[in-house]
Amino acid sequence: MLTEQERMNNAMKEMLFHEESMAKKYSELTQEITDPKLQQMLKGMEMAARNSYGTLSQKMSSLGIV
């Protein structure tokens, strides 16, 4: 049975992985799509995912989660 701390660590690591995956996906889609408006939208979504990744990564560091 996992402790509450272990469950929190696992959840945060999973969220971090998700944000990284989404940023990569948005970046790939931006390269495939030719419509400038859709490219701009996807770039914004990629940036948001990368910002969330950074924020989450900092929070994990402050909590000692590696």
PDB file of N, CA and C in Angstrom:
ATOM      1  N   MET A   1       0.833  -1.173   0.000  1.00  0.00           N
ATOM      2  CA  MET A   1       0.000   0.000   0.000  1.00  0.00           C
ATOM      3  C   MET A   1       0.888   1.250   0.000  1.00  0.00           C
ATOM      4  N   LEU A   2       0.566   2.187  -0.884  1.00  0.00           N
ATOM      5  CA  LEU A   2       1.350   3.409  -0.974  1.00  0.00           C
ATOM      6  C   LEU A   2       0.922   4.415   0.086  1.00  0.00           C
ATOM      7  N   THR A   3       1.900   5.167   0.570  1.00  0.00           N
ATOM      8  CA  THR A   3       1.580   6.240   1.513  1.00  0.00           C
ATOM      9  C   THR A   3       0.975   7.412   0.744  1.00  0.00           C
ATOM     10  N   GLU A   4       0.395   8.332   1.481  1.00  0.00           N
ATOM     11  CA  GLU A   4      -0.175   9.518   0.845  1.00  0.00           C
ATOM     12  C   GLU A   4       0.908  10.295   0.092  1.00  0.00           C
ATOM     13  N   GLN A   5       2.090  10.388   0.672  1.00  0.00           N
ATOM     14  CA  GLN A   5       3.210  11.091   0.035  1.00  0.00           C
ATOM     15  C   GLN A   5       3.604  10.407  -1.279  1.00  0.00           C
ATOM     16  N   GLU A   6       3.659   9.094  -1.272  1.00  0.00           N
ATOM     17  CA  GLU A   6       4.009   8.359  -2.492  1.00  0.00           C
ATOM     18  C   GLU A   6       2.947   8.550  -3.580  1.00  0.00           C
ATOM     19  N   ARG A   7       1.693   8.558  -3.175  1.00  0.00           N
ATOM     20  CA  ARG A   7       0.611   8.786  -4.151  1.00  0.00           C
ATOM     21  C   ARG A   7       0.716  10.187  -4.739  1.00  0.00           C
ATOM     22  N   MET A   8       1.023  11.169  -3.905  1.00  0.00           N
ATOM     23  CA  MET A   8       1.183  12.554  -4.372  1.00  0.00           C
ATOM     24  C   MET A   8       2.371  12.656  -5.328  1.00  0.00           C
ATOM     25  N   ASN A   9       3.470  12.017  -4.973  1.00  0.00           N
ATOM     26  CA  ASN A   9       4.652  12.026  -5.847  1.00  0.00           C
ATOM     27  C   ASN A   9       4.313  11.423  -7.207  1.00  0.00           C
ATOM     28  N   ASN A  10       3.651  10.282  -7.194  1.00  0.00           N
ATOM     29  CA  ASN A  10       3.288   9.618  -8.449  1.00  0.00           C
ATOM     30  C   ASN A  10       2.344  10.476  -9.283  1.00  0.00           C
ATOM     31  N   ALA A  11       1.386  11.110  -8.647  1.00  0.00           N
ATOM     32  CA  ALA A  11       0.430  11.954  -9.365  1.00  0.00           C
ATOM     33  C   ALA A  11       1.137  13.142 -10.013  1.00  0.00           C
ATOM     34  N   MET A  12       2.047  13.756  -9.295  1.00  0.00           N
ATOM     35  CA  MET A  12       2.759  14.913  -9.840  1.00  0.00           C
ATOM     36  C   MET A  12       3.679  14.500 -10.991  1.00  0.00           C
ATOM     37  N   LYS A  13       4.318  13.362 -10.850  1.00  0.00           N
ATOM     38  CA  LYS A  13       5.167  12.866 -11.941  1.00  0.00           C
ATOM     39  C   LYS A  13       4.332  12.561 -13.182  1.00  0.00           C
ATOM     40  N   GLU A  14       3.149  12.019 -12.970  1.00  0.00           N
ATOM     41  CA  GLU A  14       2.259  11.714 -14.089  1.00  0.00           C
ATOM     42  C   GLU A  14       1.792  13.009 -14.764  1.00  0.00           C
ATOM     43  N   MET A  15       1.475  14.028 -13.982  1.00  0.00           N
ATOM     44  CA  MET A  15       1.074  15.320 -14.556  1.00  0.00           C
ATOM     45  C   MET A  15       2.222  15.939 -15.344  1.00  0.00           C
ATOM     46  N   LEU A  16       3.433  15.829 -14.830  1.00  0.00           N
ATOM     47  CA  LEU A  16       4.605  16.365 -15.511  1.00  0.00           C
ATOM     48  C   LEU A  16       4.798  15.666 -16.857  1.00  0.00           C
ATOM     49  N   PHE A  17       4.680  14.351 -16.861  1.00  0.00           N
ATOM     50  CA  PHE A  17       4.801  13.574 -18.094  1.00  0.00           C
ATOM     51  C   PHE A  17       3.720  13.994 -19.093  1.00  0.00           C
ATOM     52  N   HIS A  18       2.497  14.195 -18.607  1.00  0.00           N
ATOM     53  CA  HIS A  18       1.388  14.594 -19.468  1.00  0.00           C
ATOM     54  C   HIS A  18       1.655  15.951 -20.122  1.00  0.00           C
ATOM     55  N   GLU A  19       2.116  16.922 -19.350  1.00  0.00           N
ATOM     56  CA  GLU A  19       2.388  18.256 -19.900  1.00  0.00           C
ATOM     57  C   GLU A  19       3.491  18.195 -20.955  1.00  0.00           C
ATOM     58  N   GLU A  20       4.522  17.407 -20.698  1.00  0.00           N
ATOM     59  CA  GLU A  20       5.612  17.257 -21.666  1.00  0.00           C
ATOM     60  C   GLU A  20       5.097  16.596 -22.951  1.00  0.00           C
ATOM     61  N   SER A  21       4.299  15.578 -22.805  1.00  0.00           N
ATOM     62  CA  SER A  21       3.738  14.874 -23.965  1.00  0.00           C
ATOM     63  C   SER A  21       2.857  15.793 -24.799  1.00  0.00           C
ATOM     64  N   MET A  22       2.028  16.591 -24.129  1.00  0.00           N
ATOM     65  CA  MET A  22       1.134  17.490 -24.849  1.00  0.00           C
ATOM     66  C   MET A  22       1.925  18.567 -25.587  1.00  0.00           C
ATOM     67  N   ALA A  23       2.949  19.112 -24.962  1.00  0.00           N
ATOM     68  CA  ALA A  23       3.768  20.133 -25.626  1.00  0.00           C
ATOM     69  C   ALA A  23       4.404  19.559 -26.889  1.00  0.00           C
ATOM     70  N   LYS A  24       4.917  18.341 -26.811  1.00  0.00           N
ATOM     71  CA  LYS A  24       5.520  17.701 -27.986  1.00  0.00           C
ATOM     72  C   LYS A  24       4.478  17.468 -29.073  1.00  0.00           C
ATOM     73  N   LYS A  25       3.299  17.028 -28.669  1.00  0.00           N
ATOM     74  CA  LYS A  25       2.216  16.767 -29.626  1.00  0.00           C
ATOM     75  C   LYS A  25       1.811  18.054 -30.341  1.00  0.00           C
ATOM     76  N   TYR A  26       1.637  19.135 -29.602  1.00  0.00           N
ATOM     77  CA  TYR A  26       1.276  20.416 -30.212  1.00  0.00           C
ATOM     78  C   TYR A  26       2.361  20.890 -31.168  1.00  0.00           C
ATOM     79  N   SER A  27       3.613  20.701 -30.789  1.00  0.00           N
ATOM     80  CA  SER A  27       4.724  21.096 -31.653  1.00  0.00           C
ATOM     81  C   SER A  27       4.716  20.305 -32.961  1.00  0.00           C
ATOM     82  N   GLU A  28       4.498  19.005 -32.855  1.00  0.00           N
ATOM     83  CA  GLU A  28       4.440  18.159 -34.056  1.00  0.00           C
ATOM     84  C   GLU A  28       3.286  18.566 -34.960  1.00  0.00           C
ATOM     85  N   LEU A  29       2.137  18.827 -34.369  1.00  0.00           N
ATOM     86  CA  LEU A  29       0.968  19.226 -35.159  1.00  0.00           C
ATOM     87  C   LEU A  29       1.204  20.566 -35.857  1.00  0.00           C
ATOM     88  N   THR A  30       1.889  21.472 -35.176  1.00  0.00           N
ATOM     89  CA  THR A  30       2.198  22.771 -35.775  1.00  0.00           C
ATOM     90  C   THR A  30       3.009  22.595 -37.054  1.00  0.00           C
ATOM     91  N   GLN A  31       3.912  21.624 -37.061  1.00  0.00           N
ATOM     92  CA  GLN A  31       4.743  21.372 -38.239  1.00  0.00           C
ATOM     93  C   GLN A  31       3.945  20.761 -39.388  1.00  0.00           C
ATOM     94  N   GLU A  32       2.901  20.028 -39.057  1.00  0.00           N
ATOM     95  CA  GLU A  32       2.119  19.316 -40.071  1.00  0.00           C
ATOM     96  C   GLU A  32       1.028  20.182 -40.703  1.00  0.00           C
ATOM     97  N   ILE A  33       0.554  21.177 -39.975  1.00  0.00           N
ATOM     98  CA  ILE A  33      -0.584  21.983 -40.420  1.00  0.00           C
ATOM     99  C   ILE A  33      -0.077  23.214 -41.171  1.00  0.00           C
ATOM    100  N   THR A  34      -0.785  23.570 -42.238  1.00  0.00           N
ATOM    101  CA  THR A  34      -0.354  24.719 -43.040  1.00  0.00           C
ATOM    102  C   THR A  34      -1.172  25.987 -42.767  1.00  0.00           C
ATOM    103  N   ASP A  35      -2.308  25.866 -42.128  1.00  0.00           N
ATOM    104  CA  ASP A  35      -3.147  27.032 -41.838  1.00  0.00           C
ATOM    105  C   ASP A  35      -2.479  27.884 -40.750  1.00  0.00           C
ATOM    106  N   PRO A  36      -2.139  29.137 -41.075  1.00  0.00           N
ATOM    107  CA  PRO A  36      -1.437  29.988 -40.103  1.00  0.00           C
ATOM    108  C   PRO A  36      -2.208  30.219 -38.799  1.00  0.00           C
ATOM    109  N   LYS A  37      -3.533  30.332 -38.880  1.00  0.00           N
ATOM    110  CA  LYS A  37      -4.314  30.553 -37.656  1.00  0.00           C
ATOM    111  C   LYS A  37      -4.265  29.332 -36.747  1.00  0.00           C
ATOM    112  N   LEU A  38      -4.353  28.146 -37.339  1.00  0.00           N
ATOM    113  CA  LEU A  38      -4.256  26.921 -36.535  1.00  0.00           C
ATOM    114  C   LEU A  38      -2.846  26.750 -35.979  1.00  0.00           C
ATOM    115  N   GLN A  39      -1.842  27.101 -36.773  1.00  0.00           N
ATOM    116  CA  GLN A  39      -0.464  27.015 -36.283  1.00  0.00           C
ATOM    117  C   GLN A  39      -0.279  27.918 -35.069  1.00  0.00           C
ATOM    118  N   GLN A  40      -0.807  29.138 -35.158  1.00  0.00           N
ATOM    119  CA  GLN A  40      -0.676  30.082 -34.048  1.00  0.00           C
ATOM    120  C   GLN A  40      -1.373  29.555 -32.804  1.00  0.00           C
ATOM    121  N   MET A  41      -2.565  28.993 -32.988  1.00  0.00           N
ATOM    122  CA  MET A  41      -3.312  28.440 -31.864  1.00  0.00           C
ATOM    123  C   MET A  41      -2.523  27.299 -31.209  1.00  0.00           C
ATOM    124  N   LEU A  42      -1.968  26.405 -32.036  1.00  0.00           N
ATOM    125  CA  LEU A  42      -1.205  25.278 -31.503  1.00  0.00           C
ATOM    126  C   LEU A  42       0.070  25.738 -30.811  1.00  0.00           C
ATOM    127  N   LYS A  43       0.706  26.771 -31.338  1.00  0.00           N
ATOM    128  CA  LYS A  43       1.901  27.311 -30.682  1.00  0.00           C
ATOM    129  C   LYS A  43       1.543  27.854 -29.298  1.00  0.00           C
ATOM    130  N   GLY A  44       0.375  28.515 -29.203  1.00  0.00           N
ATOM    131  CA  GLY A  44      -0.083  29.007 -27.904  1.00  0.00           C
ATOM    132  C   GLY A  44      -0.354  27.869 -26.935  1.00  0.00           C
ATOM    133  N   MET A  45      -0.953  26.803 -27.445  1.00  0.00           N
ATOM    134  CA  MET A  45      -1.233  25.637 -26.603  1.00  0.00           C
ATOM    135  C   MET A  45       0.064  24.961 -26.167  1.00  0.00           C
ATOM    136  N   GLU A  46       1.037  24.898 -27.066  1.00  0.00           N
ATOM    137  CA  GLU A  46       2.344  24.323 -26.711  1.00  0.00           C
ATOM    138  C   GLU A  46       2.998  25.155 -25.605  1.00  0.00           C
ATOM    139  N   MET A  47       2.947  26.490 -25.763  1.00  0.00           N
ATOM    140  CA  MET A  47       3.547  27.376 -24.767  1.00  0.00           C
ATOM    141  C   MET A  47       2.871  27.199 -23.409  1.00  0.00           C
ATOM    142  N   ALA A  48       1.550  27.073 -23.407  1.00  0.00           N
ATOM    143  CA  ALA A  48       0.823  26.876 -22.149  1.00  0.00           C
ATOM    144  C   ALA A  48       1.241  25.565 -21.484  1.00  0.00           C
ATOM    145  N   ALA A  49       1.389  24.506 -22.274  1.00  0.00           N
ATOM    146  CA  ALA A  49       1.808  23.219 -21.720  1.00  0.00           C
ATOM    147  C   ALA A  49       3.226  23.315 -21.157  1.00  0.00           C
ATOM    148  N   ARG A  50       4.100  24.027 -21.877  1.00  0.00           N
ATOM    149  CA  ARG A  50       5.483  24.184 -21.393  1.00  0.00           C
ATOM    150  C   ARG A  50       5.525  25.027 -20.108  1.00  0.00           C
ATOM    151  N   ASN A  51       4.673  26.045 -20.035  1.00  0.00           N
ATOM    152  CA  ASN A  51       4.603  26.858 -18.810  1.00  0.00           C
ATOM    153  C   ASN A  51       4.103  26.018 -17.641  1.00  0.00           C
ATOM    154  N   SER A  52       3.090  25.209 -17.881  1.00  0.00           N
ATOM    155  CA  SER A  52       2.575  24.325 -16.830  1.00  0.00           C
ATOM    156  C   SER A  52       3.648  23.343 -16.395  1.00  0.00           C
ATOM    157  N   TYR A  53       4.402  22.826 -17.354  1.00  0.00           N
ATOM    158  CA  TYR A  53       5.496  21.909 -17.061  1.00  0.00           C
ATOM    159  C   TYR A  53       6.515  22.593 -16.140  1.00  0.00           C
ATOM    160  N   GLY A  54       6.879  23.823 -16.488  1.00  0.00           N
ATOM    161  CA  GLY A  54       7.862  24.551 -15.682  1.00  0.00           C
ATOM    162  C   GLY A  54       7.370  24.814 -14.277  1.00  0.00           C
ATOM    163  N   THR A  55       6.133  25.250 -14.165  1.00  0.00           N
ATOM    164  CA  THR A  55       5.542  25.522 -12.847  1.00  0.00           C
ATOM    165  C   THR A  55       5.487  24.251 -12.006  1.00  0.00           C
ATOM    166  N   LEU A  56       5.028  23.184 -12.611  1.00  0.00           N
ATOM    167  CA  LEU A  56       4.924  21.914 -11.903  1.00  0.00           C
ATOM    168  C   LEU A  56       6.303  21.398 -11.493  1.00  0.00           C
ATOM    169  N   SER A  57       7.260  21.535 -12.390  1.00  0.00           N
ATOM    170  CA  SER A  57       8.627  21.096 -12.101  1.00  0.00           C
ATOM    171  C   SER A  57       9.209  21.858 -10.915  1.00  0.00           C
ATOM    172  N   GLN A  58       8.975  23.174 -10.873  1.00  0.00           N
ATOM    173  CA  GLN A  58       9.459  23.981  -9.749  1.00  0.00           C
ATOM    174  C   GLN A  58       8.794  23.548  -8.439  1.00  0.00           C
ATOM    175  N   LYS A  59       7.502  23.324  -8.499  1.00  0.00           N
ATOM    176  CA  LYS A  59       6.776  22.897  -7.290  1.00  0.00           C
ATOM    177  C   LYS A  59       7.297  21.551  -6.798  1.00  0.00           C
ATOM    178  N   MET A  60       7.540  20.644  -7.738  1.00  0.00           N
ATOM    179  CA  MET A  60       8.068  19.334  -7.358  1.00  0.00           C
ATOM    180  C   MET A  60       9.441  19.480  -6.701  1.00  0.00           C
ATOM    181  N   SER A  61      10.280  20.343  -7.250  1.00  0.00           N
ATOM    182  CA  SER A  61      11.614  20.570  -6.663  1.00  0.00           C
ATOM    183  C   SER A  61      11.501  21.105  -5.251  1.00  0.00           C
ATOM    184  N   SER A  62      10.573  22.053  -5.060  1.00  0.00           N
ATOM    185  CA  SER A  62      10.432  22.632  -3.729  1.00  0.00           C
ATOM    186  C   SER A  62       9.914  21.620  -2.713  1.00  0.00           C
ATOM    187  N   LEU A  63       9.208  20.602  -3.198  1.00  0.00           N
ATOM    188  CA  LEU A  63       8.690  19.541  -2.321  1.00  0.00           C
ATOM    189  C   LEU A  63       9.651  18.354  -2.203  1.00  0.00           C
ATOM    190  N   GLY A  64      10.776  18.431  -2.928  1.00  0.00           N
ATOM    191  CA  GLY A  64      11.755  17.344  -2.872  1.00  0.00           C
ATOM    192  C   GLY A  64      11.368  16.121  -3.674  1.00  0.00           C
ATOM    193  N   ILE A  65      10.527  16.317  -4.683  1.00  0.00           N
ATOM    194  CA  ILE A  65      10.108  15.207  -5.536  1.00  0.00           C
ATOM    195  C   ILE A  65      11.010  15.189  -6.761  1.00  0.00           C
ATOM    196  N   VAL A  66      11.632  14.034  -6.999  1.00  0.00           N
ATOM    197  CA  VAL A  66      12.526  13.896  -8.155  1.00  0.00           C
ATOM    198  C   VAL A  66      11.999  12.914  -9.151  1.00  0.00           C
TER     199      VAL A  66
END
